Protein backbone atom coordinates (compact mmCIF):
# COMPACT_ATOMS: atom_id res chain seq x y z
CA MET A 1 42.75 52.10 7.75
CA GLY A 2 44.12 50.32 10.80
CA ASP A 3 44.54 46.61 11.51
CA ASP A 4 41.32 46.58 13.45
CA ASP A 5 39.56 47.84 10.40
CA LYS A 6 41.02 44.99 8.30
CA LYS A 7 39.49 42.30 10.49
CA GLU A 8 36.99 40.02 8.68
CA VAL A 9 33.44 40.58 9.79
CA THR A 10 32.06 37.50 11.48
CA GLY A 11 28.61 36.28 12.27
CA ASN A 12 27.27 35.19 15.62
CA ASP A 13 28.90 31.74 15.35
CA GLY A 14 32.21 33.02 14.19
CA GLU A 15 31.90 31.80 10.59
CA GLY A 16 32.85 34.02 7.67
CA VAL A 17 30.18 36.42 6.42
CA ASP A 18 30.08 38.24 3.08
CA PRO A 19 30.48 41.88 4.03
CA TRP A 20 28.44 43.06 1.01
CA GLN A 21 25.57 40.60 1.20
CA GLY A 22 25.59 40.00 4.90
CA SER A 23 25.06 36.24 4.35
CA SER A 24 27.18 33.36 5.43
CA VAL A 25 29.64 31.89 2.88
CA VAL A 26 28.77 28.45 4.14
CA ASP A 27 25.10 29.19 3.53
CA LYS A 28 25.92 30.05 -0.07
CA GLU A 29 27.78 26.79 -0.53
CA LYS A 30 24.78 24.90 0.83
CA GLU A 31 22.49 26.78 -1.55
CA ALA A 32 24.67 25.93 -4.52
CA ALA A 33 24.71 22.28 -3.51
CA SER A 34 20.94 22.18 -3.12
CA SER A 35 20.43 23.78 -6.57
CA LYS A 36 22.21 20.92 -8.34
CA PRO A 37 19.78 18.61 -10.18
CA PRO A 38 19.11 15.35 -8.36
CA VAL A 39 20.40 12.13 -9.78
CA SER A 40 17.82 10.81 -12.27
CA SER A 41 16.09 7.65 -11.21
CA ALA A 42 16.06 6.59 -14.87
CA LYS A 43 19.80 5.92 -14.79
CA PRO A 44 21.32 3.18 -12.71
CA ASP A 45 23.83 4.15 -10.06
CA LEU A 46 27.02 2.46 -11.24
CA THR A 47 28.66 3.09 -7.87
CA ASP A 48 26.11 0.81 -6.26
CA GLU A 49 27.33 -2.76 -5.88
CA ASN A 50 23.87 -4.02 -7.01
CA TRP A 51 23.80 -1.99 -10.23
CA GLU A 52 23.64 -5.11 -12.41
CA ARG A 53 20.45 -6.26 -10.71
CA ASP A 54 19.04 -2.75 -11.10
CA VAL A 55 19.72 -2.78 -14.86
CA LEU A 56 18.04 -6.19 -15.23
CA ASN A 57 14.99 -5.00 -13.31
CA ARG A 58 14.71 -1.95 -15.52
CA LEU A 59 14.96 -4.07 -18.68
CA ALA A 60 12.34 -6.50 -17.39
CA PHE A 61 9.87 -3.72 -16.59
CA ALA A 62 10.49 -2.06 -19.97
CA THR A 63 9.75 -5.37 -21.74
CA LEU A 64 6.55 -5.87 -19.76
CA ASN A 65 5.37 -2.35 -20.57
CA GLU A 66 6.08 -2.90 -24.27
CA GLN A 67 4.14 -6.18 -24.22
CA ARG A 68 1.18 -4.46 -22.55
CA ARG A 69 1.16 -1.73 -25.20
CA SER A 70 1.41 -4.33 -27.95
CA ARG A 71 -1.49 -6.33 -26.49
CA ARG A 72 -3.65 -3.21 -26.24
CA TRP A 73 -3.10 -2.33 -29.90
CA ASN A 74 -3.66 -5.96 -30.89
CA VAL A 75 -7.00 -6.02 -29.09
CA PHE A 76 -7.95 -2.67 -30.64
CA PHE A 77 -7.27 -3.80 -34.21
CA LYS A 78 -9.02 -7.14 -33.66
CA ALA A 79 -12.09 -5.34 -32.33
CA LEU A 80 -12.02 -2.98 -35.31
CA ALA A 81 -11.79 -5.91 -37.73
CA PHE A 82 -14.63 -7.70 -35.92
CA ILE A 83 -16.88 -4.63 -36.21
CA TYR A 84 -16.05 -4.27 -39.90
CA VAL A 85 -16.77 -7.93 -40.69
CA GLY A 86 -19.99 -7.76 -38.67
CA ALA A 87 -21.15 -4.73 -40.64
CA VAL A 88 -20.36 -6.44 -43.96
CA ILE A 89 -22.28 -9.55 -42.89
CA MET A 90 -25.29 -7.49 -41.84
CA ILE A 91 -25.32 -5.71 -45.19
CA ALA A 92 -24.94 -9.03 -47.00
CA ILE A 93 -27.81 -10.59 -45.09
CA ASN A 94 -30.14 -7.65 -45.75
CA PRO A 95 -28.68 -4.99 -48.07
CA PHE A 96 -31.82 -2.85 -47.84
CA GLY A 97 -31.83 -2.36 -44.05
CA SER A 98 -35.15 -2.86 -42.26
CA GLY A 99 -37.75 -4.28 -44.61
CA PRO A 100 -37.70 -4.18 -48.42
CA GLY A 101 -35.83 -1.18 -49.69
CA GLY A 102 -35.15 0.15 -46.17
CA ILE A 103 -38.51 1.88 -46.32
CA SER A 104 -40.18 4.12 -43.77
CA GLY A 105 -43.78 5.29 -44.10
CA ASP A 106 -43.21 8.08 -46.66
CA LYS A 107 -43.93 8.05 -50.37
CA HIS A 108 -40.87 7.35 -52.48
CA THR A 109 -39.67 6.80 -56.03
CA ALA A 110 -38.48 3.20 -56.42
CA VAL A 111 -35.33 2.58 -58.47
CA ILE A 112 -34.09 -0.72 -59.93
CA GLU A 113 -30.63 -0.76 -61.51
CA ILE A 114 -29.89 -2.77 -64.68
CA THR A 115 -26.12 -2.68 -65.03
CA GLY A 116 -23.92 -4.69 -67.38
CA ALA A 117 -24.71 -7.56 -69.70
CA ILE A 118 -28.16 -9.10 -69.38
CA GLY A 119 -27.85 -12.85 -68.85
CA ALA A 120 -28.97 -15.74 -66.69
CA ASN A 121 -25.77 -15.78 -64.61
CA THR A 122 -25.09 -12.05 -64.39
CA GLU A 123 -26.06 -9.36 -61.91
CA ALA A 124 -28.54 -8.10 -64.52
CA SER A 125 -30.39 -11.43 -64.75
CA ALA A 126 -34.14 -11.63 -65.25
CA ASP A 127 -34.53 -13.13 -61.76
CA ASN A 128 -32.78 -10.18 -60.10
CA ILE A 129 -34.54 -7.52 -62.14
CA VAL A 130 -37.98 -9.10 -61.78
CA GLY A 131 -37.44 -9.58 -58.02
CA GLY A 132 -36.74 -5.87 -57.59
CA LEU A 133 -39.68 -4.89 -59.79
CA ARG A 134 -42.14 -7.00 -57.82
CA LYS A 135 -41.03 -5.53 -54.49
CA ALA A 136 -41.21 -2.01 -55.88
CA PHE A 137 -44.69 -2.38 -57.41
CA GLU A 138 -46.11 -4.20 -54.40
CA ASP A 139 -44.90 -1.60 -51.88
CA LYS A 140 -47.79 0.67 -50.92
CA ASN A 141 -45.53 3.71 -50.60
CA THR A 142 -44.14 3.49 -54.14
CA ALA A 143 -45.24 6.56 -56.12
CA ALA A 144 -43.60 5.36 -59.35
CA VAL A 145 -40.80 3.06 -60.52
CA ILE A 146 -37.63 3.96 -62.40
CA LEU A 147 -35.53 1.43 -64.30
CA ARG A 148 -32.03 2.95 -64.44
CA ILE A 149 -30.41 1.16 -67.37
CA ASN A 150 -26.71 1.04 -68.24
CA SER A 151 -26.40 -2.07 -70.39
CA PRO A 152 -25.08 -3.00 -73.87
CA GLY A 153 -27.69 -5.77 -74.09
CA GLY A 154 -27.45 -9.51 -73.77
CA SER A 155 -29.77 -12.49 -73.86
CA PRO A 156 -33.04 -11.86 -75.76
CA VAL A 157 -34.65 -14.56 -73.61
CA GLN A 158 -33.75 -12.81 -70.34
CA ALA A 159 -34.81 -9.44 -71.74
CA GLY A 160 -38.08 -11.00 -72.89
CA TYR A 161 -38.77 -12.34 -69.39
CA VAL A 162 -38.33 -8.86 -67.91
CA TYR A 163 -40.45 -7.21 -70.63
CA ASP A 164 -43.34 -9.61 -70.06
CA GLU A 165 -43.17 -9.18 -66.27
CA ILE A 166 -43.24 -5.39 -66.59
CA LYS A 167 -46.37 -5.65 -68.72
CA ARG A 168 -47.99 -7.93 -66.12
CA LEU A 169 -47.09 -5.68 -63.18
CA ARG A 170 -48.32 -2.57 -64.97
CA GLY A 171 -51.62 -4.36 -65.53
CA LEU A 172 -51.88 -5.25 -61.83
CA HIS A 173 -50.87 -1.75 -60.69
CA PRO A 174 -52.22 0.64 -63.34
CA LYS A 175 -51.73 3.71 -61.11
CA THR A 176 -48.00 3.03 -60.67
CA LYS A 177 -46.08 4.31 -63.67
CA LEU A 178 -42.73 2.93 -64.79
CA TYR A 179 -40.01 5.11 -66.33
CA ALA A 180 -36.77 4.03 -67.98
CA VAL A 181 -33.72 6.27 -67.49
CA ILE A 182 -30.71 5.58 -69.70
CA VAL A 183 -27.28 6.26 -68.21
CA ASP A 184 -24.34 5.64 -70.60
CA ILE A 185 -25.78 3.00 -72.88
CA CYS A 186 -29.09 1.23 -73.45
CA ALA A 187 -28.63 -0.96 -76.50
CA SER A 188 -30.09 -4.17 -77.87
CA GLY A 189 -31.56 -6.19 -74.96
CA GLY A 190 -31.35 -3.13 -72.72
CA TYR A 191 -33.64 -1.21 -75.05
CA TYR A 192 -35.86 -4.30 -75.38
CA ILE A 193 -36.62 -3.87 -71.66
CA ALA A 194 -36.85 -0.06 -71.82
CA ALA A 195 -39.57 -0.32 -74.48
CA ALA A 196 -41.96 -1.64 -71.80
CA ALA A 197 -41.78 1.66 -69.85
CA ASP A 198 -44.37 4.43 -69.93
CA GLU A 199 -41.66 6.92 -70.81
CA ILE A 200 -37.94 6.78 -71.62
CA TYR A 201 -35.39 9.44 -70.60
CA ALA A 202 -31.71 9.72 -71.50
CA ASP A 203 -28.73 12.06 -71.42
CA LYS A 204 -28.00 13.86 -74.69
CA ALA A 205 -24.80 11.78 -75.02
CA SER A 206 -26.29 8.42 -74.01
CA ILE A 207 -26.11 5.58 -76.56
CA VAL A 208 -29.47 4.12 -77.49
CA GLY A 209 -30.81 1.68 -80.10
CA SER A 210 -28.96 -1.25 -81.72
CA ILE A 211 -32.27 -2.96 -82.41
CA GLY A 212 -30.97 -6.13 -83.98
CA VAL A 213 -29.82 -9.70 -83.32
CA LEU A 214 -26.43 -11.31 -83.90
CA MET A 215 -24.61 -14.61 -83.66
CA ASN A 216 -20.84 -14.42 -83.97
CA GLY A 217 -17.89 -16.78 -84.10
CA PHE A 218 -14.69 -17.61 -85.99
CA GLY A 219 -13.75 -19.86 -88.90
CA PHE A 220 -10.40 -21.69 -88.93
CA VAL A 221 -10.82 -23.80 -92.06
CA GLU A 222 -8.16 -22.10 -94.19
CA ALA A 223 -5.72 -21.85 -91.28
CA MET A 224 -6.09 -25.59 -90.65
CA LYS A 225 -5.33 -26.32 -94.31
CA LYS A 226 -2.11 -24.29 -94.15
CA VAL A 227 -1.01 -25.97 -90.95
CA GLY A 228 -2.05 -29.39 -92.19
CA VAL A 229 -4.60 -30.20 -89.47
CA GLU A 230 -7.48 -32.56 -90.24
CA ARG A 231 -10.87 -31.96 -88.62
CA ARG A 232 -12.63 -35.12 -87.39
CA LEU A 233 -16.19 -34.28 -86.39
CA ILE A 234 -18.53 -37.19 -85.72
CA THR A 235 -22.21 -36.36 -85.21
CA ALA A 236 -25.57 -38.12 -84.94
CA GLY A 237 -27.92 -35.87 -86.90
CA LYS A 238 -27.32 -34.28 -90.29
CA HIS A 239 -26.91 -30.75 -88.98
CA LYS A 240 -25.66 -31.37 -85.45
CA GLY A 241 -22.35 -29.71 -86.31
CA VAL A 242 -23.99 -26.56 -87.64
CA MET A 243 -21.71 -23.49 -87.61
CA ASP A 244 -18.73 -25.56 -86.44
CA PRO A 245 -15.76 -23.15 -86.63
CA PHE A 246 -13.42 -25.87 -87.95
CA SER A 247 -15.70 -27.00 -90.79
CA PRO A 248 -16.79 -25.20 -94.00
CA VAL A 249 -20.10 -23.33 -93.78
CA LYS A 250 -22.97 -25.12 -95.54
CA LYS A 251 -25.40 -22.89 -97.42
CA GLU A 252 -28.50 -24.63 -96.12
CA GLU A 253 -27.30 -24.32 -92.52
CA LEU A 254 -26.42 -20.65 -93.00
CA LYS A 255 -29.89 -20.04 -94.43
CA HIS A 256 -31.46 -21.75 -91.42
CA VAL A 257 -29.47 -19.65 -88.93
CA LYS A 258 -30.27 -16.41 -90.75
CA GLY A 259 -33.95 -17.31 -90.76
CA MET A 260 -33.86 -17.89 -87.02
CA LEU A 261 -32.09 -14.57 -86.39
CA ASN A 262 -34.58 -12.74 -88.60
CA SER A 263 -37.43 -14.26 -86.60
CA ILE A 264 -35.93 -13.07 -83.30
CA HIS A 265 -35.24 -9.67 -84.85
CA GLN A 266 -38.88 -9.36 -85.84
CA GLN A 267 -39.92 -10.24 -82.29
CA PHE A 268 -37.68 -7.41 -81.10
CA ILE A 269 -39.20 -4.96 -83.59
CA ASN A 270 -42.73 -5.94 -82.57
CA VAL A 271 -41.89 -5.40 -78.89
CA VAL A 272 -40.50 -1.93 -79.57
CA LYS A 273 -43.46 -0.94 -81.74
CA ASP A 274 -45.92 -2.23 -79.14
CA GLY A 275 -44.16 -0.34 -76.35
CA ARG A 276 -43.53 2.93 -78.17
CA LYS A 277 -46.58 2.86 -80.46
CA GLU A 278 -47.17 6.17 -82.30
CA LYS A 279 -44.09 7.77 -80.69
CA LEU A 280 -41.76 6.11 -83.21
CA LYS A 281 -40.93 8.06 -86.38
CA GLU A 282 -40.06 5.02 -88.44
CA LYS A 283 -40.90 6.58 -91.80
CA GLU A 284 -38.53 9.47 -91.20
CA PHE A 285 -35.77 7.14 -89.99
CA PRO A 286 -35.90 3.89 -92.04
CA GLU A 287 -32.64 2.66 -90.44
CA MET A 288 -34.25 2.57 -86.98
CA PHE A 289 -34.36 -1.25 -86.83
CA SER A 290 -31.14 -1.89 -88.75
CA GLY A 291 -28.98 -2.48 -85.68
CA LEU A 292 -27.45 0.99 -85.70
CA PHE A 293 -27.37 3.12 -82.56
CA TRP A 294 -27.68 6.83 -81.84
CA ASN A 295 -27.10 9.32 -79.04
CA GLY A 296 -29.85 10.49 -76.71
CA GLU A 297 -30.46 13.73 -78.57
CA GLN A 298 -30.99 11.86 -81.83
CA GLY A 299 -33.09 9.29 -80.00
CA VAL A 300 -35.57 12.01 -78.97
CA LYS A 301 -35.99 13.07 -82.61
CA MET A 302 -36.54 9.45 -83.69
CA GLY A 303 -39.05 8.69 -80.96
CA LEU A 304 -36.83 6.12 -79.25
CA VAL A 305 -36.55 8.49 -76.26
CA ASP A 306 -39.24 10.78 -74.82
CA ASP A 307 -37.04 13.48 -73.34
CA LEU A 308 -33.63 14.26 -71.88
CA GLY A 309 -33.16 13.79 -68.14
CA ASN A 310 -31.58 11.77 -65.36
CA THR A 311 -32.96 9.85 -62.39
CA SER A 312 -33.09 12.83 -60.03
CA LYS A 313 -34.79 15.03 -62.58
CA VAL A 314 -37.45 12.41 -63.38
CA ALA A 315 -38.13 11.84 -59.67
CA ARG A 316 -38.29 15.57 -58.93
CA ASP A 317 -40.01 17.02 -62.02
CA VAL A 318 -42.00 14.13 -63.51
CA ILE A 319 -42.97 11.90 -60.58
CA LYS A 320 -42.92 14.80 -58.10
CA VAL A 321 -41.44 12.60 -55.35
CA GLU A 322 -37.76 13.34 -54.78
CA ARG A 323 -37.17 10.63 -52.16
CA ILE A 324 -35.52 7.69 -53.93
CA VAL A 325 -35.37 4.13 -52.57
CA ASP A 326 -33.19 1.49 -54.22
CA PHE A 327 -34.99 -1.84 -54.80
CA THR A 328 -32.19 -3.42 -56.83
CA VAL A 329 -31.64 -7.08 -55.98
CA ARG A 330 -27.92 -7.66 -55.66
CA GLU A 331 -25.97 -10.82 -55.04
CA LYS A 332 -25.26 -11.19 -51.34
CA LEU A 333 -21.62 -11.17 -50.32
CA LEU A 334 -21.96 -14.41 -48.38
CA ASP A 335 -23.48 -16.18 -51.39
CA ARG A 336 -20.72 -14.90 -53.64
CA PHE A 337 -18.07 -16.05 -51.18
CA ALA A 338 -19.70 -19.48 -50.81
CA GLU A 339 -19.95 -19.90 -54.55
CA LYS A 340 -16.32 -18.99 -55.16
CA PHE A 341 -15.14 -21.08 -52.23
CA GLY A 342 -17.15 -24.07 -53.47
CA ALA A 343 -15.84 -23.71 -57.01
CA GLY A 344 -12.26 -23.40 -55.79
CA PHE A 345 -12.61 -26.40 -53.49
CA ALA A 346 -14.10 -28.50 -56.29
CA LYS A 347 -11.24 -27.54 -58.59
CA VAL A 348 -8.61 -28.51 -56.02
CA LEU A 349 -10.42 -31.76 -55.25
CA SER A 350 -10.71 -32.75 -58.91
CA ALA A 351 -7.03 -31.99 -59.47
CA THR A 352 -6.11 -34.01 -56.38
CA ILE A 353 -8.05 -37.16 -57.33
CA GLY A 354 -7.52 -36.73 -61.06
CA VAL A 355 -11.16 -36.38 -62.12
CA GLU A 356 -12.04 -33.98 -64.94
CA SER A 357 -15.45 -32.31 -65.25
CA LEU A 358 -18.00 -33.95 -67.52
CA GLY A 359 -20.69 -32.32 -69.62
CA LEU A 360 -22.89 -32.51 -72.70
CA GLU A 361 -22.32 -30.12 -75.59
């Protein structure tokens, strides 16, 4: 090949051209330069004489953005807390929804819960139970009433109040039947109330019975003698210190207390016999009123329970109305809070001014 053949091929402007691709070398260099990633705007240009100001601006904007995000989340959680508290207050003001029991116009089975110890200052007080019973019986859409009982007993006075009110309401509403459904336990005062029902249902493992009365306490007389402590009890009235745990038991006082307990026990027995009537198999089970208790299966055999079943079964198969509405009167959350707050405030105040509580015993 001659020298002429060795000459570099040139383009129209005289610049070098790739003989294989036919494109300008300079064009390729420009392409390579244009394909390089641009300088990110997120990084400050340290070659710029104002880079320090640029960094400060970036930091300031980042802080503002973080504050905005923080405020948004703060507002969100506050709104969520507000909604939650509002819902709790609405439930506390009216736990049943619209109207008593949250009732619409359909027939329903009314349920009143008796849970825990029966006493004047408990959730299962006569006032609460009777309040729910009255609302349930007076509602025109109530097909029948169920007392769902899960109680070891309690005050015979409170149980007596409920028993008498059930009898009165059944007399006023003879077409509305009342059923007692035993959950885990229905003993003593709980069964006192259940005896007023038309029928009693229980689970085969439920505890039922304990038809008796007790008064318990402790005696520390011998312990005081060993320690060398002298009891100084001053009373006005011969028997004012009856059953004092730090004094010896007097026979006449013990006889008086036993007589009183026997009288209350007989009242209990009479209530059960009046409520259960011929259903009781007392002759076959002479220990029925001894204070012992039995399971639900045994209770059916003894006549203390009519049949085995739970609330849903009674509503579905016995009452024939599956829709259940809860008429239980429960302590409102606001009342509970106010009571605890008031008690705590009084305690702090008395401790601050040095005044102890006074009372008569």
